[in-house]
């Protein structure tokens, strides 16, 4: 099954998980990049990013380098911002609806995933969602343990 891991990452947590998911699933990677992104430095990233997430804003994304329509399965990842998923992922859902493909979602957070996974699944047809998982404090975890946890999650997906 041809699989694409789609993700947005501001500080590298979600990027690391996406890379490990792609390795475990034998998948391709697509990083979402807003045309105007939040500055990843300083306290204001929380204010600006959280405000955008709460308001449900949909930023313009740079053109994608891979056509998601050419894949049977999508695995979509986002950091948690203000208890929900990042606006760049909202833009992906709007611009590239998954249709009938199998879809899994994941989020990264520092200890509270809020309703991010639920809300990501609400953007999809829950009947097509084959998995949802949150990953906490990713960059502080042992990489081998994290990779093993991801492999175990991927193994739960239908063939």
N, C-alpha and C. Protein backbone atom coordinates (compact mmCIF):
# COMPACT_ATOMS: atom_id res chain seq x y z
N UNK A 1 0.84 -1.17 0.00
CA UNK A 1 0.00 0.00 0.00
C UNK A 1 0.89 1.24 0.00
N UNK A 2 0.66 2.13 -0.94
CA UNK A 2 1.46 3.34 -1.06
C UNK A 2 1.00 4.36 -0.01
N UNK A 3 1.94 4.77 0.86
CA UNK A 3 1.61 5.60 2.01
C UNK A 3 2.39 6.92 1.97
N UNK A 4 1.71 7.99 2.37
CA UNK A 4 2.32 9.31 2.46
C UNK A 4 2.13 9.84 3.88
N UNK A 5 3.23 10.28 4.50
CA UNK A 5 3.18 10.94 5.80
C UNK A 5 3.21 12.44 5.54
N UNK A 6 2.15 13.12 5.93
CA UNK A 6 2.00 14.56 5.75
C UNK A 6 2.11 15.19 7.14
N UNK A 7 2.93 16.23 7.28
CA UNK A 7 3.09 16.82 8.61
C UNK A 7 3.47 18.29 8.52
N UNK A 8 3.19 18.96 9.64
CA UNK A 8 3.68 20.32 9.86
C UNK A 8 4.47 20.29 11.16
N UNK A 9 5.61 20.97 11.18
CA UNK A 9 6.43 21.03 12.39
C UNK A 9 7.05 22.41 12.49
N UNK A 10 6.90 23.03 13.64
CA UNK A 10 7.51 24.35 13.86
C UNK A 10 8.89 24.21 14.50
N UNK A 11 9.03 23.28 15.46
CA UNK A 11 10.27 23.19 16.21
C UNK A 11 10.98 21.84 16.11
N UNK A 12 10.47 20.92 15.30
CA UNK A 12 11.18 19.68 15.08
C UNK A 12 10.59 18.44 15.74
N UNK A 13 9.70 18.60 16.70
CA UNK A 13 9.09 17.45 17.36
C UNK A 13 8.27 16.61 16.38
N UNK A 14 7.36 17.26 15.69
CA UNK A 14 6.50 16.54 14.75
C UNK A 14 7.31 16.03 13.57
N UNK A 15 8.34 16.76 13.15
CA UNK A 15 9.21 16.31 12.07
C UNK A 15 9.89 14.98 12.42
N UNK A 16 10.41 14.88 13.65
CA UNK A 16 11.06 13.65 14.07
C UNK A 16 10.09 12.48 14.06
N UNK A 17 8.90 12.66 14.62
CA UNK A 17 7.92 11.58 14.61
C UNK A 17 7.54 11.22 13.18
N UNK A 18 7.33 12.22 12.34
CA UNK A 18 6.97 11.95 10.94
C UNK A 18 8.05 11.13 10.24
N UNK A 19 9.30 11.47 10.48
CA UNK A 19 10.39 10.72 9.86
C UNK A 19 10.40 9.27 10.35
N UNK A 20 10.18 9.06 11.65
CA UNK A 20 10.16 7.70 12.19
C UNK A 20 8.93 6.93 11.71
N UNK A 21 7.81 7.60 11.57
CA UNK A 21 6.60 6.96 11.03
C UNK A 21 6.85 6.54 9.58
N UNK A 22 7.45 7.43 8.81
CA UNK A 22 7.74 7.11 7.41
C UNK A 22 8.67 5.91 7.29
N UNK A 23 9.68 5.85 8.14
CA UNK A 23 10.59 4.69 8.15
C UNK A 23 9.83 3.42 8.48
N UNK A 24 9.00 3.46 9.51
CA UNK A 24 8.27 2.27 9.96
C UNK A 24 7.25 1.81 8.94
N UNK A 25 6.65 2.75 8.22
CA UNK A 25 5.58 2.43 7.27
C UNK A 25 6.09 2.29 5.84
N UNK A 26 7.37 2.54 5.61
CA UNK A 26 7.88 2.52 4.24
C UNK A 26 7.19 3.57 3.39
N UNK A 27 7.02 4.77 3.97
CA UNK A 27 6.22 5.82 3.35
C UNK A 27 7.08 6.97 2.85
N UNK A 28 6.49 7.78 2.00
CA UNK A 28 7.07 9.03 1.56
C UNK A 28 6.68 10.13 2.54
N UNK A 29 7.42 11.25 2.50
CA UNK A 29 7.17 12.38 3.41
C UNK A 29 6.76 13.63 2.64
N UNK A 30 5.84 14.38 3.23
CA UNK A 30 5.45 15.68 2.70
C UNK A 30 5.35 16.65 3.87
N UNK A 31 6.26 17.64 3.91
CA UNK A 31 6.20 18.65 4.96
C UNK A 31 5.38 19.84 4.48
N UNK A 32 4.42 20.26 5.29
CA UNK A 32 3.60 21.41 4.98
C UNK A 32 4.32 22.68 5.43
N UNK A 33 4.34 23.68 4.54
CA UNK A 33 5.04 24.92 4.85
C UNK A 33 4.12 26.10 4.53
N UNK A 34 3.67 26.81 5.57
CA UNK A 34 2.88 28.01 5.31
C UNK A 34 3.71 29.08 4.62
N UNK A 35 3.09 29.85 3.76
CA UNK A 35 3.77 30.95 3.09
C UNK A 35 4.30 31.92 4.14
N UNK A 36 3.47 32.25 5.14
CA UNK A 36 3.89 33.09 6.26
C UNK A 36 3.73 32.27 7.53
N UNK A 37 4.83 31.82 8.11
CA UNK A 37 4.78 30.96 9.28
C UNK A 37 5.02 31.76 10.56
N UNK A 38 4.68 31.14 11.67
CA UNK A 38 4.93 31.71 12.99
C UNK A 38 6.44 31.69 13.23
N UNK A 39 6.97 32.75 13.84
CA UNK A 39 8.38 32.78 14.20
C UNK A 39 8.60 31.75 15.32
N UNK A 40 9.50 30.78 15.11
CA UNK A 40 9.68 29.72 16.11
C UNK A 40 10.45 30.15 17.36
N UNK A 41 10.88 31.38 17.43
CA UNK A 41 11.66 31.85 18.58
C UNK A 41 10.82 32.76 19.47
N UNK A 42 11.09 32.66 20.76
CA UNK A 42 10.47 33.55 21.73
C UNK A 42 9.07 33.14 22.15
N UNK A 43 8.58 33.85 23.15
CA UNK A 43 7.28 33.56 23.74
C UNK A 43 6.12 33.82 22.78
N UNK A 44 6.27 34.78 21.88
CA UNK A 44 5.17 35.17 21.00
C UNK A 44 4.73 34.05 20.08
N UNK A 45 5.57 33.03 19.88
CA UNK A 45 5.14 31.90 19.04
C UNK A 45 3.90 31.25 19.65
N UNK A 46 3.84 31.20 20.99
CA UNK A 46 2.68 30.60 21.66
C UNK A 46 1.43 31.47 21.49
N UNK A 47 1.61 32.77 21.59
CA UNK A 47 0.49 33.69 21.45
C UNK A 47 -0.04 33.67 20.02
N UNK A 48 0.85 33.86 19.06
CA UNK A 48 0.42 33.92 17.66
C UNK A 48 -0.09 32.57 17.16
N UNK A 49 0.68 31.51 17.43
CA UNK A 49 0.27 30.18 16.97
C UNK A 49 -1.03 29.74 17.63
N UNK A 50 -1.12 29.93 18.94
CA UNK A 50 -2.33 29.54 19.66
C UNK A 50 -3.55 30.32 19.19
N UNK A 51 -3.38 31.61 18.96
CA UNK A 51 -4.47 32.44 18.47
C UNK A 51 -4.95 31.97 17.10
N UNK A 52 -4.02 31.67 16.21
CA UNK A 52 -4.40 31.18 14.88
C UNK A 52 -5.15 29.86 14.98
N UNK A 53 -4.68 28.97 15.85
CA UNK A 53 -5.31 27.66 16.00
C UNK A 53 -6.73 27.79 16.56
N UNK A 54 -6.87 28.59 17.61
CA UNK A 54 -8.18 28.77 18.24
C UNK A 54 -9.19 29.40 17.27
N UNK A 55 -8.72 30.34 16.48
CA UNK A 55 -9.61 31.01 15.52
C UNK A 55 -9.92 30.13 14.30
N UNK A 56 -9.24 29.00 14.16
CA UNK A 56 -9.48 28.11 13.02
C UNK A 56 -8.99 28.69 11.70
N UNK A 57 -7.95 29.52 11.77
CA UNK A 57 -7.43 30.13 10.55
C UNK A 57 -6.85 29.08 9.62
N UNK A 58 -6.90 29.39 8.34
CA UNK A 58 -6.39 28.49 7.31
C UNK A 58 -5.36 29.26 6.49
N UNK A 59 -4.07 29.05 6.79
CA UNK A 59 -3.04 29.81 6.08
C UNK A 59 -2.83 29.29 4.66
N UNK A 60 -2.26 30.16 3.85
CA UNK A 60 -1.87 29.73 2.51
C UNK A 60 -0.60 28.89 2.66
N UNK A 61 -0.58 27.75 1.98
CA UNK A 61 0.59 26.87 2.02
C UNK A 61 1.42 27.03 0.76
N UNK A 62 2.72 26.80 0.91
CA UNK A 62 3.56 26.72 -0.28
C UNK A 62 3.09 25.52 -1.09
N UNK A 63 3.27 25.55 -2.41
CA UNK A 63 2.82 24.42 -3.22
C UNK A 63 3.45 23.11 -2.72
N UNK A 64 2.64 22.04 -2.71
CA UNK A 64 3.14 20.75 -2.26
C UNK A 64 4.05 20.15 -3.32
N UNK A 65 5.04 19.41 -2.85
CA UNK A 65 6.03 18.81 -3.75
C UNK A 65 5.65 17.40 -4.17
N UNK A 66 4.60 16.86 -3.54
CA UNK A 66 4.13 15.51 -3.81
C UNK A 66 2.62 15.59 -3.96
N UNK A 67 2.04 14.87 -4.91
CA UNK A 67 0.60 14.86 -5.08
C UNK A 67 -0.02 13.82 -4.15
N UNK A 68 -0.73 14.25 -3.10
CA UNK A 68 -1.32 13.31 -2.15
C UNK A 68 -2.34 12.36 -2.80
N UNK A 69 -2.90 12.74 -3.94
CA UNK A 69 -3.90 11.89 -4.60
C UNK A 69 -3.30 10.58 -5.11
N UNK A 70 -1.98 10.53 -5.24
CA UNK A 70 -1.34 9.32 -5.74
C UNK A 70 -1.06 8.27 -4.67
N UNK A 71 -1.65 8.43 -3.48
CA UNK A 71 -1.37 7.52 -2.36
C UNK A 71 -2.65 6.85 -1.86
N UNK A 72 -2.50 5.61 -1.39
CA UNK A 72 -3.62 4.84 -0.87
C UNK A 72 -3.92 5.17 0.59
N UNK A 73 -2.87 5.58 1.32
CA UNK A 73 -2.99 5.83 2.76
C UNK A 73 -2.26 7.12 3.10
N UNK A 74 -2.90 7.93 3.96
CA UNK A 74 -2.27 9.14 4.46
C UNK A 74 -2.12 9.02 5.98
N UNK A 75 -0.97 9.44 6.48
CA UNK A 75 -0.74 9.55 7.92
C UNK A 75 -0.39 11.02 8.15
N UNK A 76 -1.22 11.72 8.91
CA UNK A 76 -1.12 13.17 9.02
C UNK A 76 -0.75 13.56 10.45
N UNK A 77 0.31 14.39 10.58
CA UNK A 77 0.80 14.77 11.90
C UNK A 77 0.83 16.27 12.12
N UNK A 78 0.61 16.65 13.38
CA UNK A 78 0.59 18.06 13.75
C UNK A 78 1.06 18.25 15.19
N UNK A 79 1.69 19.38 15.48
CA UNK A 79 1.90 19.74 16.88
C UNK A 79 0.56 20.19 17.46
N UNK A 80 0.45 20.17 18.77
CA UNK A 80 -0.73 20.68 19.45
C UNK A 80 -0.49 22.15 19.78
N UNK A 81 -1.40 22.98 19.34
CA UNK A 81 -1.36 24.40 19.63
C UNK A 81 -2.67 24.77 20.30
N UNK A 82 -2.61 25.26 21.52
CA UNK A 82 -3.79 25.70 22.26
C UNK A 82 -4.86 24.61 22.29
N UNK A 83 -4.43 23.36 22.45
CA UNK A 83 -5.35 22.25 22.59
C UNK A 83 -5.93 21.72 21.30
N UNK A 84 -5.47 22.22 20.16
CA UNK A 84 -5.97 21.75 18.87
C UNK A 84 -4.79 21.56 17.92
N UNK A 85 -5.07 21.24 16.67
CA UNK A 85 -4.00 21.03 15.70
C UNK A 85 -3.63 22.32 14.99
N UNK A 86 -2.45 22.32 14.38
CA UNK A 86 -1.90 23.52 13.75
C UNK A 86 -2.68 23.94 12.50
N UNK A 87 -2.76 25.25 12.27
CA UNK A 87 -3.48 25.77 11.10
C UNK A 87 -2.98 25.21 9.76
N UNK A 88 -1.70 24.93 9.63
CA UNK A 88 -1.19 24.39 8.36
C UNK A 88 -1.85 23.05 8.03
N UNK A 89 -2.12 22.25 9.04
CA UNK A 89 -2.79 20.97 8.82
C UNK A 89 -4.25 21.20 8.43
N UNK A 90 -4.86 22.21 9.04
CA UNK A 90 -6.24 22.57 8.65
C UNK A 90 -6.28 22.94 7.16
N UNK A 91 -5.27 23.68 6.71
CA UNK A 91 -5.20 24.05 5.29
C UNK A 91 -5.05 22.81 4.41
N UNK A 92 -4.24 21.84 4.87
CA UNK A 92 -4.09 20.61 4.09
C UNK A 92 -5.42 19.88 3.98
N UNK A 93 -6.15 19.76 5.09
CA UNK A 93 -7.46 19.09 5.05
C UNK A 93 -8.39 19.77 4.05
N UNK A 94 -8.35 21.09 4.02
CA UNK A 94 -9.23 21.83 3.12
C UNK A 94 -8.79 21.69 1.66
N UNK A 95 -7.48 21.75 1.41
CA UNK A 95 -6.97 21.73 0.04
C UNK A 95 -6.82 20.33 -0.56
N UNK A 96 -6.67 19.34 0.30
CA UNK A 96 -6.42 17.97 -0.17
C UNK A 96 -7.24 16.97 0.64
N UNK A 97 -8.57 17.01 0.53
CA UNK A 97 -9.38 16.08 1.32
C UNK A 97 -8.99 14.63 1.01
N UNK A 98 -8.90 13.79 2.05
CA UNK A 98 -8.42 12.43 1.85
C UNK A 98 -9.36 11.52 1.07
N UNK A 99 -10.61 11.88 0.93
CA UNK A 99 -11.53 11.03 0.17
C UNK A 99 -11.68 9.66 0.80
N UNK A 100 -11.59 8.61 0.00
CA UNK A 100 -11.82 7.24 0.47
C UNK A 100 -10.56 6.56 0.99
N UNK A 101 -9.47 7.26 1.04
CA UNK A 101 -8.23 6.63 1.48
C UNK A 101 -8.21 6.36 2.98
N UNK A 102 -7.46 5.34 3.37
CA UNK A 102 -7.22 5.09 4.78
C UNK A 102 -6.41 6.27 5.31
N UNK A 103 -6.77 6.72 6.51
CA UNK A 103 -6.08 7.87 7.09
C UNK A 103 -5.82 7.63 8.57
N UNK A 104 -4.63 7.98 9.01
CA UNK A 104 -4.28 7.96 10.43
C UNK A 104 -3.77 9.35 10.79
N UNK A 105 -3.92 9.71 12.06
CA UNK A 105 -3.47 11.02 12.51
C UNK A 105 -2.62 10.86 13.77
N UNK A 106 -1.67 11.79 13.93
CA UNK A 106 -0.89 11.83 15.16
C UNK A 106 -0.61 13.28 15.52
N UNK A 107 -0.33 13.48 16.80
CA UNK A 107 0.04 14.81 17.26
C UNK A 107 1.22 14.70 18.22
N UNK A 108 1.93 15.79 18.36
CA UNK A 108 3.02 15.88 19.33
C UNK A 108 2.68 17.00 20.29
N UNK A 109 3.06 16.80 21.55
CA UNK A 109 2.71 17.79 22.57
C UNK A 109 3.68 17.68 23.74
N UNK A 110 3.56 18.63 24.64
CA UNK A 110 4.44 18.66 25.81
C UNK A 110 3.73 18.16 27.07
N UNK A 111 2.70 17.39 26.90
CA UNK A 111 2.02 16.85 28.07
C UNK A 111 0.52 17.00 28.04
N UNK A 112 -0.01 17.69 27.06
CA UNK A 112 -1.46 17.84 26.94
C UNK A 112 -1.87 17.92 25.50
N UNK A 113 -2.53 16.88 25.01
CA UNK A 113 -2.93 16.90 23.60
C UNK A 113 -4.29 17.55 23.40
N UNK A 114 -4.96 17.92 24.50
CA UNK A 114 -6.24 18.59 24.35
C UNK A 114 -7.18 17.75 23.51
N UNK A 115 -7.86 18.41 22.60
CA UNK A 115 -8.78 17.72 21.70
C UNK A 115 -8.20 17.59 20.29
N UNK A 116 -6.89 17.74 20.17
CA UNK A 116 -6.27 17.77 18.84
C UNK A 116 -6.61 16.54 18.01
N UNK A 117 -6.44 15.35 18.57
CA UNK A 117 -6.71 14.13 17.80
C UNK A 117 -8.19 14.03 17.43
N UNK A 118 -9.07 14.33 18.37
CA UNK A 118 -10.51 14.31 18.08
C UNK A 118 -10.84 15.28 16.95
N UNK A 119 -10.29 16.48 17.06
CA UNK A 119 -10.62 17.50 16.07
C UNK A 119 -10.03 17.16 14.70
N UNK A 120 -8.86 16.55 14.67
CA UNK A 120 -8.31 16.11 13.38
C UNK A 120 -9.22 15.06 12.77
N UNK A 121 -9.68 14.13 13.60
CA UNK A 121 -10.56 13.08 13.09
C UNK A 121 -11.90 13.64 12.62
N UNK A 122 -12.37 14.70 13.28
CA UNK A 122 -13.62 15.34 12.86
C UNK A 122 -13.48 15.95 11.47
N UNK A 123 -12.27 16.35 11.09
CA UNK A 123 -12.03 16.90 9.76
C UNK A 123 -12.09 15.80 8.69
N UNK A 124 -12.01 14.57 9.13
CA UNK A 124 -12.04 13.41 8.24
C UNK A 124 -13.34 12.66 8.48
N UNK A 125 -13.60 11.68 7.67
CA UNK A 125 -14.72 10.78 7.93
C UNK A 125 -14.22 9.76 8.93
N UNK A 126 -14.73 9.80 10.17
CA UNK A 126 -14.24 8.91 11.23
C UNK A 126 -14.21 7.45 10.79
N UNK A 127 -15.06 7.05 9.90
CA UNK A 127 -15.08 5.66 9.43
C UNK A 127 -13.83 5.28 8.65
N UNK A 128 -13.12 6.25 8.14
CA UNK A 128 -11.91 5.97 7.36
C UNK A 128 -10.65 6.10 8.19
N UNK A 129 -10.76 6.60 9.40
CA UNK A 129 -9.59 6.79 10.25
C UNK A 129 -9.18 5.44 10.83
N UNK A 130 -7.94 5.05 10.55
CA UNK A 130 -7.46 3.73 10.98
C UNK A 130 -6.58 3.80 12.21
N UNK A 131 -6.25 5.00 12.66
CA UNK A 131 -5.41 5.14 13.84
C UNK A 131 -5.23 6.58 14.26
N UNK A 132 -5.05 6.78 15.56
CA UNK A 132 -4.80 8.11 16.10
C UNK A 132 -3.92 7.95 17.33
N UNK A 133 -2.86 8.76 17.42
CA UNK A 133 -1.93 8.60 18.54
C UNK A 133 -1.27 9.94 18.86
N UNK A 134 -1.10 10.17 20.15
CA UNK A 134 -0.38 11.34 20.62
C UNK A 134 1.00 10.95 21.13
N UNK A 135 1.97 11.80 20.89
CA UNK A 135 3.34 11.58 21.34
C UNK A 135 3.77 12.78 22.17
N UNK A 136 4.21 12.50 23.41
CA UNK A 136 4.55 13.56 24.34
C UNK A 136 6.07 13.71 24.49
N UNK A 137 6.51 14.96 24.58
CA UNK A 137 7.92 15.29 24.86
C UNK A 137 8.88 14.47 23.99
N UNK A 138 8.65 14.54 22.72
CA UNK A 138 9.35 13.71 21.73
C UNK A 138 10.87 13.88 21.78
N UNK A 139 11.35 15.11 21.78
CA UNK A 139 12.79 15.32 21.70
C UNK A 139 13.53 14.91 22.97
N UNK A 140 12.79 14.67 24.05
CA UNK A 140 13.41 14.23 25.31
C UNK A 140 13.39 12.71 25.47
N UNK A 141 12.70 12.01 24.57
CA UNK A 141 12.59 10.56 24.67
C UNK A 141 13.81 9.87 24.06
N UNK A 142 14.04 8.65 24.51
CA UNK A 142 15.03 7.80 23.88
C UNK A 142 14.53 7.48 22.48
N UNK A 143 15.36 7.75 21.49
CA UNK A 143 14.93 7.60 20.09
C UNK A 143 14.55 6.17 19.75
N UNK A 144 15.27 5.19 20.27
CA UNK A 144 14.94 3.79 19.98
C UNK A 144 13.60 3.39 20.58
N UNK A 145 13.34 3.87 21.79
CA UNK A 145 12.05 3.59 22.43
C UNK A 145 10.91 4.23 21.65
N UNK A 146 11.11 5.48 21.23
CA UNK A 146 10.12 6.18 20.42
C UNK A 146 9.87 5.44 19.11
N UNK A 147 10.93 5.02 18.44
CA UNK A 147 10.80 4.29 17.17
C UNK A 147 10.04 2.98 17.38
N UNK A 148 10.30 2.29 18.48
CA UNK A 148 9.60 1.03 18.78
C UNK A 148 8.11 1.29 19.03
N UNK A 149 7.80 2.37 19.73
CA UNK A 149 6.41 2.74 19.98
C UNK A 149 5.70 3.04 18.66
N UNK A 150 6.36 3.73 17.78
CA UNK A 150 5.79 4.06 16.47
C UNK A 150 5.58 2.79 15.65
N UNK A 151 6.56 1.91 15.63
CA UNK A 151 6.40 0.64 14.89
C UNK A 151 5.20 -0.15 15.40
N UNK A 152 5.04 -0.20 16.72
CA UNK A 152 3.89 -0.91 17.30
C UNK A 152 2.58 -0.28 16.86
N UNK A 153 2.54 1.04 16.80
CA UNK A 153 1.33 1.72 16.35
C UNK A 153 1.05 1.40 14.88
N UNK A 154 2.06 1.48 14.04
CA UNK A 154 1.90 1.22 12.60
C UNK A 154 1.40 -0.21 12.37
N UNK A 155 1.87 -1.15 13.18
CA UNK A 155 1.46 -2.56 13.04
C UNK A 155 -0.01 -2.79 13.30
N UNK A 156 -0.68 -1.83 13.95
CA UNK A 156 -2.12 -1.97 14.20
C UNK A 156 -2.96 -1.61 12.98
N UNK A 157 -2.35 -1.00 11.98
CA UNK A 157 -3.09 -0.58 10.79
C UNK A 157 -3.48 -1.80 9.95
N UNK A 158 -4.65 -1.76 9.31
CA UNK A 158 -5.02 -2.88 8.43
C UNK A 158 -4.10 -2.92 7.21
N UNK A 159 -3.92 -4.10 6.70
CA UNK A 159 -3.04 -4.28 5.54
C UNK A 159 -3.74 -3.93 4.27
